[in-house]
Amino acid sequence: MTTESPRWFKSSYSSNGGQCVEIAANLAVSRGVVPVRDSKDLRGPVLDIPTHAFTSFVTGVKAAEFGAI
């Protein structure tokens, strides 16, 4: 069992507009998940996204698979 704590960070593309999420990528190898949380609610719930699913999501975003807003 690992006792490593999440090291939270926001994307460098974040404009601090209050609509951000933070991730803790440091747990991807040791726990097999990428924790995600709302940057406005640091004590709120955390979603543990399986590493393979998070990787697929990021790949899709980079390829513009989800369309423009």
PDB file of N, CA and C in Angstrom:
ATOM      1  N   MET A   1       0.842  -1.187   0.000  1.00  0.00           N
ATOM      2  CA  MET A   1       0.000   0.000   0.000  1.00  0.00           C
ATOM      3  C   MET A   1       0.880   1.241   0.000  1.00  0.00           C
ATOM      4  N   THR A   2       0.467   2.225  -0.758  1.00  0.00           N
ATOM      5  CA  THR A   2       1.232   3.470  -0.839  1.00  0.00           C
ATOM      6  C   THR A   2       0.578   4.555   0.009  1.00  0.00           C
ATOM      7  N   THR A   3       1.398   5.396   0.572  1.00  0.00           N
ATOM      8  CA  THR A   3       0.890   6.511   1.376  1.00  0.00           C
ATOM      9  C   THR A   3       1.170   7.843   0.691  1.00  0.00           C
ATOM     10  N   GLU A   4       1.506   7.761  -0.587  1.00  0.00           N
ATOM     11  CA  GLU A   4       1.802   8.972  -1.343  1.00  0.00           C
ATOM     12  C   GLU A   4       0.577   9.874  -1.413  1.00  0.00           C
ATOM     13  N   SER A   5       0.782  11.167  -1.160  1.00  0.00           N
ATOM     14  CA  SER A   5      -0.302  12.143  -1.203  1.00  0.00           C
ATOM     15  C   SER A   5      -0.419  12.738  -2.593  1.00  0.00           C
ATOM     16  N   PRO A   6      -1.633  13.118  -2.981  1.00  0.00           N
ATOM     17  CA  PRO A   6      -1.801  13.765  -4.284  1.00  0.00           C
ATOM     18  C   PRO A   6      -1.096  15.118  -4.318  1.00  0.00           C
ATOM     19  N   ARG A   7      -0.440  15.398  -5.436  1.00  0.00           N
ATOM     20  CA  ARG A   7       0.148  16.729  -5.679  1.00  0.00           C
ATOM     21  C   ARG A   7      -0.715  17.384  -6.748  1.00  0.00           C
ATOM     22  N   TRP A   8      -1.604  18.258  -6.311  1.00  0.00           N
ATOM     23  CA  TRP A   8      -2.610  18.860  -7.185  1.00  0.00           C
ATOM     24  C   TRP A   8      -2.013  19.967  -8.037  1.00  0.00           C
ATOM     25  N   PHE A   9      -2.486  20.055  -9.293  1.00  0.00           N
ATOM     26  CA  PHE A   9      -2.117  21.178 -10.152  1.00  0.00           C
ATOM     27  C   PHE A   9      -3.198  21.425 -11.196  1.00  0.00           C
ATOM     28  N   LYS A  10      -3.232  22.674 -11.665  1.00  0.00           N
ATOM     29  CA  LYS A  10      -4.127  23.074 -12.757  1.00  0.00           C
ATOM     30  C   LYS A  10      -3.306  23.183 -14.030  1.00  0.00           C
ATOM     31  N   SER A  11      -3.974  23.062 -15.144  1.00  0.00           N
ATOM     32  CA  SER A  11      -3.320  23.193 -16.434  1.00  0.00           C
ATOM     33  C   SER A  11      -2.685  24.573 -16.580  1.00  0.00           C
ATOM     34  N   SER A  12      -1.583  24.611 -17.311  1.00  0.00           N
ATOM     35  CA  SER A  12      -0.957  25.907 -17.601  1.00  0.00           C
ATOM     36  C   SER A  12      -1.842  26.748 -18.514  1.00  0.00           C
ATOM     37  N   TYR A  13      -2.849  26.125 -19.148  1.00  0.00           N
ATOM     38  CA  TYR A  13      -3.791  26.841 -20.008  1.00  0.00           C
ATOM     39  C   TYR A  13      -4.936  27.460 -19.213  1.00  0.00           C
ATOM     40  N   SER A  14      -4.988  27.200 -17.925  1.00  0.00           N
ATOM     41  CA  SER A  14      -6.046  27.746 -17.082  1.00  0.00           C
ATOM     42  C   SER A  14      -5.896  29.259 -16.993  1.00  0.00           C
ATOM     43  N   SER A  15      -7.010  29.957 -17.162  1.00  0.00           N
ATOM     44  CA  SER A  15      -6.958  31.422 -17.096  1.00  0.00           C
ATOM     45  C   SER A  15      -7.458  31.938 -15.748  1.00  0.00           C
ATOM     46  N   ASN A  16      -7.571  31.060 -14.763  1.00  0.00           N
ATOM     47  CA  ASN A  16      -8.054  31.428 -13.430  1.00  0.00           C
ATOM     48  C   ASN A  16      -9.434  32.068 -13.481  1.00  0.00           C
ATOM     49  N   GLY A  17     -10.258  31.598 -14.390  1.00  0.00           N
ATOM     50  CA  GLY A  17     -11.608  32.116 -14.509  1.00  0.00           C
ATOM     51  C   GLY A  17     -12.606  31.434 -13.585  1.00  0.00           C
ATOM     52  N   GLY A  18     -12.136  30.537 -12.738  1.00  0.00           N
ATOM     53  CA  GLY A  18     -13.010  29.887 -11.783  1.00  0.00           C
ATOM     54  C   GLY A  18     -13.702  28.646 -12.307  1.00  0.00           C
ATOM     55  N   GLN A  19     -13.434  28.251 -13.526  1.00  0.00           N
ATOM     56  CA  GLN A  19     -14.072  27.074 -14.124  1.00  0.00           C
ATOM     57  C   GLN A  19     -13.038  25.969 -14.326  1.00  0.00           C
ATOM     58  N   CYS A  20     -12.211  25.716 -13.345  1.00  0.00           N
ATOM     59  CA  CYS A  20     -11.079  24.825 -13.509  1.00  0.00           C
ATOM     60  C   CYS A  20     -11.223  23.537 -12.698  1.00  0.00           C
ATOM     61  N   VAL A  21     -10.499  22.541 -13.152  1.00  0.00           N
ATOM     62  CA  VAL A  21     -10.322  21.320 -12.366  1.00  0.00           C
ATOM     63  C   VAL A  21      -8.834  21.166 -12.109  1.00  0.00           C
ATOM     64  N   GLU A  22      -8.517  20.409 -11.078  1.00  0.00           N
ATOM     65  CA  GLU A  22      -7.137  20.085 -10.761  1.00  0.00           C
ATOM     66  C   GLU A  22      -6.980  18.578 -10.847  1.00  0.00           C
ATOM     67  N   ILE A  23      -5.777  18.139 -11.214  1.00  0.00           N
ATOM     68  CA  ILE A  23      -5.493  16.710 -11.248  1.00  0.00           C
ATOM     69  C   ILE A  23      -4.247  16.428 -10.418  1.00  0.00           C
ATOM     70  N   ALA A  24      -4.096  15.179 -10.029  1.00  0.00           N
ATOM     71  CA  ALA A  24      -2.904  14.735  -9.309  1.00  0.00           C
ATOM     72  C   ALA A  24      -2.288  13.586 -10.100  1.00  0.00           C
ATOM     73  N   ALA A  25      -1.541  13.941 -11.129  1.00  0.00           N
ATOM     74  CA  ALA A  25      -0.961  12.940 -12.031  1.00  0.00           C
ATOM     75  C   ALA A  25       0.099  12.080 -11.351  1.00  0.00           C
ATOM     76  N   ASN A  26       0.611  12.518 -10.209  1.00  0.00           N
ATOM     77  CA  ASN A  26       1.662  11.757  -9.536  1.00  0.00           C
ATOM     78  C   ASN A  26       1.178  10.392  -9.026  1.00  0.00           C
ATOM     79  N   LEU A  27      -0.128  10.159  -9.002  1.00  0.00           N
ATOM     80  CA  LEU A  27      -0.654   8.884  -8.509  1.00  0.00           C
ATOM     81  C   LEU A  27      -0.966   7.902  -9.631  1.00  0.00           C
ATOM     82  N   ALA A  28      -0.717   8.293 -10.871  1.00  0.00           N
ATOM     83  CA  ALA A  28      -1.062   7.430 -12.002  1.00  0.00           C
ATOM     84  C   ALA A  28      -0.328   6.092 -11.951  1.00  0.00           C
ATOM     85  N   VAL A  29       0.932   6.105 -11.670  1.00  0.00           N
ATOM     86  CA  VAL A  29       1.708   4.862 -11.653  1.00  0.00           C
ATOM     87  C   VAL A  29       1.463   4.067 -10.378  1.00  0.00           C
ATOM     88  N   SER A  30       1.526   4.716  -9.232  1.00  0.00           N
ATOM     89  CA  SER A  30       1.428   3.987  -7.963  1.00  0.00           C
ATOM     90  C   SER A  30       0.034   3.462  -7.664  1.00  0.00           C
ATOM     91  N   ARG A  31      -0.998   4.173  -8.095  1.00  0.00           N
ATOM     92  CA  ARG A  31      -2.377   3.758  -7.778  1.00  0.00           C
ATOM     93  C   ARG A  31      -3.215   3.401  -8.999  1.00  0.00           C
ATOM     94  N   GLY A  32      -2.720   3.733 -10.201  1.00  0.00           N
ATOM     95  CA  GLY A  32      -3.466   3.422 -11.416  1.00  0.00           C
ATOM     96  C   GLY A  32      -4.657   4.327 -11.663  1.00  0.00           C
ATOM     97  N   VAL A  33      -4.667   5.491 -11.004  1.00  0.00           N
ATOM     98  CA  VAL A  33      -5.755   6.453 -11.174  1.00  0.00           C
ATOM     99  C   VAL A  33      -5.185   7.860 -11.289  1.00  0.00           C
ATOM    100  N   VAL A  34      -5.994   8.750 -11.884  1.00  0.00           N
ATOM    101  CA  VAL A  34      -5.684  10.176 -11.904  1.00  0.00           C
ATOM    102  C   VAL A  34      -6.826  10.863 -11.160  1.00  0.00           C
ATOM    103  N   PRO A  35      -6.578  11.283  -9.909  1.00  0.00           N
ATOM    104  CA  PRO A  35      -7.614  11.998  -9.166  1.00  0.00           C
ATOM    105  C   PRO A  35      -7.908  13.355  -9.806  1.00  0.00           C
ATOM    106  N   VAL A  36      -9.189  13.722  -9.829  1.00  0.00           N
ATOM    107  CA  VAL A  36      -9.641  14.992 -10.402  1.00  0.00           C
ATOM    108  C   VAL A  36     -10.576  15.648  -9.390  1.00  0.00           C
ATOM    109  N   ARG A  37     -10.419  16.963  -9.191  1.00  0.00           N
ATOM    110  CA  ARG A  37     -11.297  17.697  -8.277  1.00  0.00           C
ATOM    111  C   ARG A  37     -11.582  19.087  -8.820  1.00  0.00           C
ATOM    112  N   ASP A  38     -12.622  19.711  -8.296  1.00  0.00           N
ATOM    113  CA  ASP A  38     -13.003  21.083  -8.628  1.00  0.00           C
ATOM    114  C   ASP A  38     -12.050  22.029  -7.898  1.00  0.00           C
ATOM    115  N   SER A  39     -11.428  22.931  -8.625  1.00  0.00           N
ATOM    116  CA  SER A  39     -10.460  23.836  -7.999  1.00  0.00           C
ATOM    117  C   SER A  39     -11.101  24.838  -7.046  1.00  0.00           C
ATOM    118  N   LYS A  40     -12.411  25.018  -7.136  1.00  0.00           N
ATOM    119  CA  LYS A  40     -13.101  25.943  -6.235  1.00  0.00           C
ATOM    120  C   LYS A  40     -13.509  25.282  -4.927  1.00  0.00           C
ATOM    121  N   ASP A  41     -13.487  23.946  -4.873  1.00  0.00           N
ATOM    122  CA  ASP A  41     -13.954  23.213  -3.694  1.00  0.00           C
ATOM    123  C   ASP A  41     -12.898  22.188  -3.295  1.00  0.00           C
ATOM    124  N   LEU A  42     -11.828  22.666  -2.693  1.00  0.00           N
ATOM    125  CA  LEU A  42     -10.682  21.815  -2.392  1.00  0.00           C
ATOM    126  C   LEU A  42     -10.994  20.703  -1.398  1.00  0.00           C
ATOM    127  N   ARG A  43     -12.040  20.850  -0.633  1.00  0.00           N
ATOM    128  CA  ARG A  43     -12.439  19.802   0.325  1.00  0.00           C
ATOM    129  C   ARG A  43     -13.596  18.962  -0.198  1.00  0.00           C
ATOM    130  N   GLY A  44     -13.993  19.237  -1.428  1.00  0.00           N
ATOM    131  CA  GLY A  44     -15.112  18.524  -2.031  1.00  0.00           C
ATOM    132  C   GLY A  44     -14.716  17.148  -2.532  1.00  0.00           C
ATOM    133  N   PRO A  45     -15.610  16.515  -3.258  1.00  0.00           N
ATOM    134  CA  PRO A  45     -15.356  15.152  -3.733  1.00  0.00           C
ATOM    135  C   PRO A  45     -14.222  15.099  -4.761  1.00  0.00           C
ATOM    136  N   VAL A  46     -13.602  13.953  -4.826  1.00  0.00           N
ATOM    137  CA  VAL A  46     -12.528  13.682  -5.783  1.00  0.00           C
ATOM    138  C   VAL A  46     -12.947  12.485  -6.626  1.00  0.00           C
ATOM    139  N   LEU A  47     -12.823  12.614  -7.924  1.00  0.00           N
ATOM    140  CA  LEU A  47     -13.079  11.495  -8.832  1.00  0.00           C
ATOM    141  C   LEU A  47     -11.756  10.822  -9.147  1.00  0.00           C
ATOM    142  N   ASP A  48     -11.677   9.515  -8.922  1.00  0.00           N
ATOM    143  CA  ASP A  48     -10.486   8.751  -9.276  1.00  0.00           C
ATOM    144  C   ASP A  48     -10.724   8.123 -10.642  1.00  0.00           C
ATOM    145  N   ILE A  49     -10.138   8.718 -11.673  1.00  0.00           N
ATOM    146  CA  ILE A  49     -10.311   8.256 -13.042  1.00  0.00           C
ATOM    147  C   ILE A  49      -9.213   7.227 -13.351  1.00  0.00           C
ATOM    148  N   PRO A  50      -9.574   6.032 -13.828  1.00  0.00           N
ATOM    149  CA  PRO A  50      -8.547   5.063 -14.195  1.00  0.00           C
ATOM    150  C   PRO A  50      -7.571   5.676 -15.209  1.00  0.00           C
ATOM    151  N   THR A  51      -6.302   5.369 -15.054  1.00  0.00           N
ATOM    152  CA  THR A  51      -5.264   5.965 -15.886  1.00  0.00           C
ATOM    153  C   THR A  51      -5.546   5.800 -17.375  1.00  0.00           C
ATOM    154  N   HIS A  52      -5.968   4.623 -17.797  1.00  0.00           N
ATOM    155  CA  HIS A  52      -6.218   4.399 -19.227  1.00  0.00           C
ATOM    156  C   HIS A  52      -7.371   5.271 -19.733  1.00  0.00           C
ATOM    157  N   ALA A  53      -8.384   5.485 -18.913  1.00  0.00           N
ATOM    158  CA  ALA A  53      -9.511   6.326 -19.314  1.00  0.00           C
ATOM    159  C   ALA A  53      -9.093   7.792 -19.394  1.00  0.00           C
ATOM    160  N   PHE A  54      -8.277   8.252 -18.449  1.00  0.00           N
ATOM    161  CA  PHE A  54      -7.812   9.639 -18.465  1.00  0.00           C
ATOM    162  C   PHE A  54      -6.929   9.889 -19.682  1.00  0.00           C
ATOM    163  N   THR A  55      -6.057   8.926 -19.991  1.00  0.00           N
ATOM    164  CA  THR A  55      -5.195   9.045 -21.169  1.00  0.00           C
ATOM    165  C   THR A  55      -6.025   9.130 -22.445  1.00  0.00           C
ATOM    166  N   SER A  56      -7.055   8.304 -22.549  1.00  0.00           N
ATOM    167  CA  SER A  56      -7.941   8.347 -23.721  1.00  0.00           C
ATOM    168  C   SER A  56      -8.660   9.687 -23.824  1.00  0.00           C
ATOM    169  N   PHE A  57      -9.106  10.216 -22.705  1.00  0.00           N
ATOM    170  CA  PHE A  57      -9.780  11.513 -22.684  1.00  0.00           C
ATOM    171  C   PHE A  57      -8.851  12.619 -23.175  1.00  0.00           C
ATOM    172  N   VAL A  58      -7.638  12.676 -22.637  1.00  0.00           N
ATOM    173  CA  VAL A  58      -6.678  13.715 -23.041  1.00  0.00           C
ATOM    174  C   VAL A  58      -6.343  13.588 -24.521  1.00  0.00           C
ATOM    175  N   THR A  59      -6.166  12.374 -25.000  1.00  0.00           N
ATOM    176  CA  THR A  59      -5.900  12.149 -26.424  1.00  0.00           C
ATOM    177  C   THR A  59      -7.049  12.670 -27.275  1.00  0.00           C
ATOM    178  N   GLY A  60      -8.281  12.417 -26.852  1.00  0.00           N
ATOM    179  CA  GLY A  60      -9.460  12.898 -27.564  1.00  0.00           C
ATOM    180  C   GLY A  60      -9.556  14.408 -27.577  1.00  0.00           C
ATOM    181  N   VAL A  61      -9.223  15.044 -26.458  1.00  0.00           N
ATOM    182  CA  VAL A  61      -9.243  16.509 -26.392  1.00  0.00           C
ATOM    183  C   VAL A  61      -8.222  17.093 -27.363  1.00  0.00           C
ATOM    184  N   LYS A  62      -7.015  16.538 -27.348  1.00  0.00           N
ATOM    185  CA  LYS A  62      -5.969  17.040 -28.244  1.00  0.00           C
ATOM    186  C   LYS A  62      -6.317  16.862 -29.711  1.00  0.00           C
ATOM    187  N   ALA A  63      -7.100  15.822 -30.018  1.00  0.00           N
ATOM    188  CA  ALA A  63      -7.498  15.555 -31.405  1.00  0.00           C
ATOM    189  C   ALA A  63      -8.804  16.258 -31.778  1.00  0.00           C
ATOM    190  N   ALA A  64      -9.332  17.085 -30.872  1.00  0.00           N
ATOM    191  CA  ALA A  64     -10.585  17.818 -31.079  1.00  0.00           C
ATOM    192  C   ALA A  64     -11.751  16.890 -31.384  1.00  0.00           C
ATOM    193  N   GLU A  65     -11.777  15.740 -30.749  1.00  0.00           N
ATOM    194  CA  GLU A  65     -12.843  14.760 -30.971  1.00  0.00           C
ATOM    195  C   GLU A  65     -14.180  15.157 -30.326  1.00  0.00           C
ATOM    196  N   PHE A  66     -14.151  16.125 -29.435  1.00  0.00           N
ATOM    197  CA  PHE A  66     -15.364  16.484 -28.703  1.00  0.00           C
ATOM    198  C   PHE A  66     -16.008  17.751 -29.225  1.00  0.00           C
ATOM    199  N   GLY A  67     -15.490  18.307 -30.296  1.00  0.00           N
ATOM    200  CA  GLY A  67     -16.076  19.492 -30.895  1.00  0.00           C
ATOM    201  C   GLY A  67     -15.679  20.767 -30.174  1.00  0.00           C
ATOM    202  N   ALA A  68     -16.066  21.872 -30.762  1.00  0.00           N
ATOM    203  CA  ALA A  68     -15.775  23.183 -30.197  1.00  0.00           C
ATOM    204  C   ALA A  68     -16.952  23.652 -29.362  1.00  0.00           C
ATOM    205  N   ILE A  69     -16.655  24.509 -28.422  1.00  0.00           N
ATOM    206  CA  ILE A  69     -17.711  25.088 -27.566  1.00  0.00           C
ATOM    207  C   ILE A  69     -18.194  26.364 -28.181  1.00  0.00           C
TER     208      ILE A  69
END
